[in-house]
Amino acid sequence: MESRLDRLEVRRWLAGHREAENVIRRERARELIGRSTDDAWAIYFSLLDSQLGEPPDQNKPSYVLMAMRRVLDRYARRTQPTP
């Protein structure tokens, strides 16, 4: 069975990804500007540890996951139509 992609839907999908990338870039900059040097180093070492194969602390949520959730929550609140 042959399936064809809808050109308009693909363009919408790509536009959505570009918008998400822009939102994440802005939020990342906003998040990092307000961090102290010690906090930034803590994040860096946490990411380094995770890349070295050490298991993450299961009792703490992922920093990246929590940051992404905050970004998506703010985006959803901004784009939600007002009643």
N, C-alpha and C. Protein backbone atom coordinates (compact mmCIF):
# COMPACT_ATOMS: atom_id res chain seq x y z
N MET A 1 0.85 -1.18 0.00
CA MET A 1 0.00 0.00 0.00
C MET A 1 0.89 1.23 0.00
N GLU A 2 0.65 2.13 -0.92
CA GLU A 2 1.45 3.35 -1.04
C GLU A 2 0.78 4.47 -0.26
N SER A 3 1.60 5.18 0.47
CA SER A 3 1.10 6.30 1.26
C SER A 3 1.85 7.55 0.84
N ARG A 4 1.12 8.61 0.60
CA ARG A 4 1.75 9.87 0.19
C ARG A 4 1.61 10.89 1.31
N LEU A 5 2.62 11.71 1.41
CA LEU A 5 2.60 12.77 2.40
C LEU A 5 1.86 13.98 1.83
N ASP A 6 1.10 14.61 2.67
CA ASP A 6 0.42 15.84 2.30
C ASP A 6 1.41 16.99 2.42
N ARG A 7 1.70 17.65 1.32
CA ARG A 7 2.72 18.70 1.28
C ARG A 7 2.42 19.80 2.32
N LEU A 8 1.17 20.21 2.42
CA LEU A 8 0.79 21.26 3.36
C LEU A 8 1.03 20.82 4.81
N GLU A 9 0.68 19.58 5.10
CA GLU A 9 0.89 19.07 6.46
C GLU A 9 2.38 18.99 6.80
N VAL A 10 3.20 18.59 5.85
CA VAL A 10 4.64 18.52 6.07
C VAL A 10 5.19 19.92 6.33
N ARG A 11 4.71 20.90 5.56
CA ARG A 11 5.16 22.28 5.79
C ARG A 11 4.73 22.78 7.16
N ARG A 12 3.52 22.47 7.56
CA ARG A 12 3.06 22.86 8.90
C ARG A 12 3.91 22.20 9.98
N TRP A 13 4.22 20.93 9.76
CA TRP A 13 5.03 20.19 10.72
C TRP A 13 6.41 20.83 10.85
N LEU A 14 7.01 21.16 9.70
CA LEU A 14 8.33 21.79 9.71
C LEU A 14 8.27 23.17 10.36
N ALA A 15 7.23 23.93 10.07
CA ALA A 15 7.08 25.25 10.69
C ALA A 15 6.92 25.11 12.20
N GLY A 16 6.18 24.12 12.64
CA GLY A 16 6.03 23.87 14.08
C GLY A 16 7.35 23.53 14.73
N HIS A 17 8.16 22.74 14.07
CA HIS A 17 9.47 22.39 14.61
C HIS A 17 10.39 23.61 14.67
N ARG A 18 10.33 24.45 13.64
CA ARG A 18 11.14 25.67 13.65
C ARG A 18 10.71 26.59 14.79
N GLU A 19 9.40 26.71 14.99
CA GLU A 19 8.90 27.57 16.07
C GLU A 19 9.32 27.00 17.43
N ALA A 20 9.20 25.68 17.59
CA ALA A 20 9.62 25.06 18.85
C ALA A 20 11.11 25.29 19.09
N GLU A 21 11.92 25.18 18.04
CA GLU A 21 13.36 25.42 18.17
C GLU A 21 13.64 26.85 18.61
N ASN A 22 12.91 27.80 18.03
CA ASN A 22 13.08 29.20 18.42
C ASN A 22 12.68 29.44 19.87
N VAL A 23 11.56 28.85 20.28
CA VAL A 23 11.10 29.00 21.66
C VAL A 23 12.13 28.40 22.62
N ILE A 24 12.62 27.22 22.31
CA ILE A 24 13.60 26.56 23.18
C ILE A 24 14.88 27.38 23.25
N ARG A 25 15.32 27.94 22.12
CA ARG A 25 16.53 28.76 22.11
C ARG A 25 16.36 29.99 23.00
N ARG A 26 15.22 30.66 22.88
CA ARG A 26 14.97 31.85 23.72
C ARG A 26 14.88 31.48 25.20
N GLU A 27 14.17 30.39 25.48
CA GLU A 27 14.03 29.96 26.87
C GLU A 27 15.36 29.52 27.46
N ARG A 28 16.18 28.86 26.66
CA ARG A 28 17.50 28.43 27.13
C ARG A 28 18.33 29.64 27.50
N ALA A 29 18.33 30.64 26.64
CA ALA A 29 19.10 31.86 26.92
C ALA A 29 18.57 32.54 28.18
N ARG A 30 17.26 32.66 28.29
CA ARG A 30 16.66 33.29 29.46
C ARG A 30 17.00 32.51 30.74
N GLU A 31 16.96 31.21 30.64
CA GLU A 31 17.25 30.35 31.80
C GLU A 31 18.72 30.47 32.22
N LEU A 32 19.62 30.48 31.25
CA LEU A 32 21.04 30.49 31.57
C LEU A 32 21.53 31.85 32.05
N ILE A 33 20.94 32.93 31.55
CA ILE A 33 21.38 34.26 31.95
C ILE A 33 21.21 34.47 33.45
N GLY A 34 20.13 33.92 34.01
CA GLY A 34 19.85 34.13 35.44
C GLY A 34 20.60 33.19 36.38
N ARG A 35 21.41 32.32 35.87
CA ARG A 35 22.10 31.34 36.72
C ARG A 35 23.39 31.91 37.28
N SER A 36 23.71 31.46 38.49
CA SER A 36 24.99 31.83 39.08
C SER A 36 26.08 30.93 38.48
N THR A 37 27.31 31.31 38.67
CA THR A 37 28.43 30.52 38.16
C THR A 37 28.44 29.14 38.80
N ASP A 38 28.22 29.07 40.10
CA ASP A 38 28.20 27.77 40.79
C ASP A 38 27.08 26.88 40.26
N ASP A 39 25.92 27.47 40.04
CA ASP A 39 24.79 26.70 39.51
C ASP A 39 25.09 26.19 38.11
N ALA A 40 25.69 27.04 37.28
CA ALA A 40 26.04 26.64 35.92
C ALA A 40 27.05 25.48 35.93
N TRP A 41 28.04 25.56 36.82
CA TRP A 41 29.02 24.47 36.93
C TRP A 41 28.34 23.19 37.41
N ALA A 42 27.40 23.31 38.32
CA ALA A 42 26.68 22.12 38.82
C ALA A 42 25.92 21.44 37.68
N ILE A 43 25.28 22.23 36.84
CA ILE A 43 24.57 21.67 35.69
C ILE A 43 25.56 21.01 34.73
N TYR A 44 26.66 21.69 34.47
CA TYR A 44 27.67 21.15 33.57
C TYR A 44 28.20 19.80 34.07
N PHE A 45 28.56 19.74 35.35
CA PHE A 45 29.09 18.48 35.89
C PHE A 45 28.03 17.40 35.92
N SER A 46 26.78 17.77 36.15
CA SER A 46 25.69 16.80 36.12
C SER A 46 25.56 16.19 34.73
N LEU A 47 25.62 17.05 33.71
CA LEU A 47 25.55 16.55 32.33
C LEU A 47 26.77 15.71 31.99
N LEU A 48 27.93 16.13 32.45
CA LEU A 48 29.15 15.38 32.21
C LEU A 48 29.07 13.99 32.85
N ASP A 49 28.59 13.94 34.09
CA ASP A 49 28.44 12.66 34.78
C ASP A 49 27.49 11.73 34.01
N SER A 50 26.42 12.28 33.49
CA SER A 50 25.46 11.44 32.78
C SER A 50 26.07 10.91 31.49
N GLN A 51 27.00 11.65 30.89
CA GLN A 51 27.64 11.19 29.67
C GLN A 51 28.72 10.15 29.96
N LEU A 52 29.22 10.12 31.17
CA LEU A 52 30.27 9.18 31.52
C LEU A 52 29.72 7.82 31.93
N GLY A 53 28.42 7.65 31.83
CA GLY A 53 27.83 6.35 32.12
C GLY A 53 27.39 6.16 33.55
N GLU A 54 27.52 7.16 34.39
CA GLU A 54 27.03 7.02 35.75
C GLU A 54 25.52 7.13 35.74
N PRO A 55 24.85 6.26 36.46
CA PRO A 55 23.38 6.32 36.44
C PRO A 55 22.89 7.60 37.12
N PRO A 56 21.86 8.23 36.55
CA PRO A 56 21.32 9.44 37.16
C PRO A 56 20.63 9.12 38.48
N ASP A 57 20.55 10.10 39.34
CA ASP A 57 19.85 9.95 40.61
C ASP A 57 18.36 9.79 40.32
N GLN A 58 17.81 8.64 40.63
CA GLN A 58 16.41 8.36 40.32
C GLN A 58 15.45 9.16 41.19
N ASN A 59 15.95 9.76 42.26
CA ASN A 59 15.09 10.54 43.14
C ASN A 59 14.96 11.99 42.70
N LYS A 60 15.75 12.40 41.70
CA LYS A 60 15.72 13.77 41.22
C LYS A 60 15.25 13.78 39.77
N PRO A 61 14.33 14.70 39.42
CA PRO A 61 13.91 14.76 38.02
C PRO A 61 15.03 15.31 37.15
N SER A 62 15.01 14.96 35.91
CA SER A 62 16.00 15.43 34.95
C SER A 62 15.89 16.94 34.79
N TYR A 63 17.02 17.63 34.86
CA TYR A 63 17.03 19.08 34.67
C TYR A 63 16.49 19.45 33.29
N VAL A 64 16.93 18.72 32.28
CA VAL A 64 16.52 19.02 30.91
C VAL A 64 15.01 18.80 30.75
N LEU A 65 14.51 17.70 31.28
CA LEU A 65 13.08 17.41 31.19
C LEU A 65 12.26 18.50 31.88
N MET A 66 12.67 18.91 33.06
CA MET A 66 11.93 19.94 33.79
C MET A 66 11.99 21.27 33.04
N ALA A 67 13.13 21.61 32.46
CA ALA A 67 13.24 22.86 31.70
C ALA A 67 12.34 22.81 30.47
N MET A 68 12.31 21.68 29.79
CA MET A 68 11.45 21.55 28.62
C MET A 68 9.98 21.65 29.01
N ARG A 69 9.60 21.06 30.13
CA ARG A 69 8.21 21.15 30.58
C ARG A 69 7.83 22.60 30.87
N ARG A 70 8.75 23.37 31.48
CA ARG A 70 8.46 24.78 31.77
C ARG A 70 8.28 25.56 30.48
N VAL A 71 9.13 25.29 29.49
CA VAL A 71 9.03 25.98 28.20
C VAL A 71 7.69 25.67 27.54
N LEU A 72 7.34 24.41 27.48
CA LEU A 72 6.09 24.03 26.83
C LEU A 72 4.87 24.56 27.58
N ASP A 73 4.95 24.61 28.91
CA ASP A 73 3.84 25.15 29.69
C ASP A 73 3.66 26.64 29.41
N ARG A 74 4.76 27.40 29.39
CA ARG A 74 4.67 28.83 29.08
C ARG A 74 4.15 29.05 27.66
N TYR A 75 4.62 28.24 26.72
CA TYR A 75 4.17 28.37 25.34
C TYR A 75 2.67 28.09 25.23
N ALA A 76 2.22 27.04 25.90
CA ALA A 76 0.80 26.69 25.86
C ALA A 76 -0.06 27.79 26.45
N ARG A 77 0.40 28.39 27.55
CA ARG A 77 -0.37 29.48 28.16
C ARG A 77 -0.42 30.70 27.25
N ARG A 78 0.66 30.99 26.54
CA ARG A 78 0.68 32.15 25.65
C ARG A 78 -0.19 31.95 24.42
N THR A 79 -0.26 30.74 23.92
CA THR A 79 -0.98 30.48 22.66
C THR A 79 -2.41 30.06 22.89
N GLN A 80 -2.81 29.84 24.12
CA GLN A 80 -4.17 29.41 24.43
C GLN A 80 -5.15 30.55 24.19
N PRO A 81 -6.22 30.29 23.45
CA PRO A 81 -7.18 31.38 23.22
C PRO A 81 -7.89 31.76 24.53
N THR A 82 -8.15 33.04 24.67
CA THR A 82 -8.84 33.50 25.87
C THR A 82 -10.33 33.37 25.68
N PRO A 83 -11.04 32.93 26.72
CA PRO A 83 -12.50 32.74 26.60
C PRO A 83 -13.25 34.04 26.54
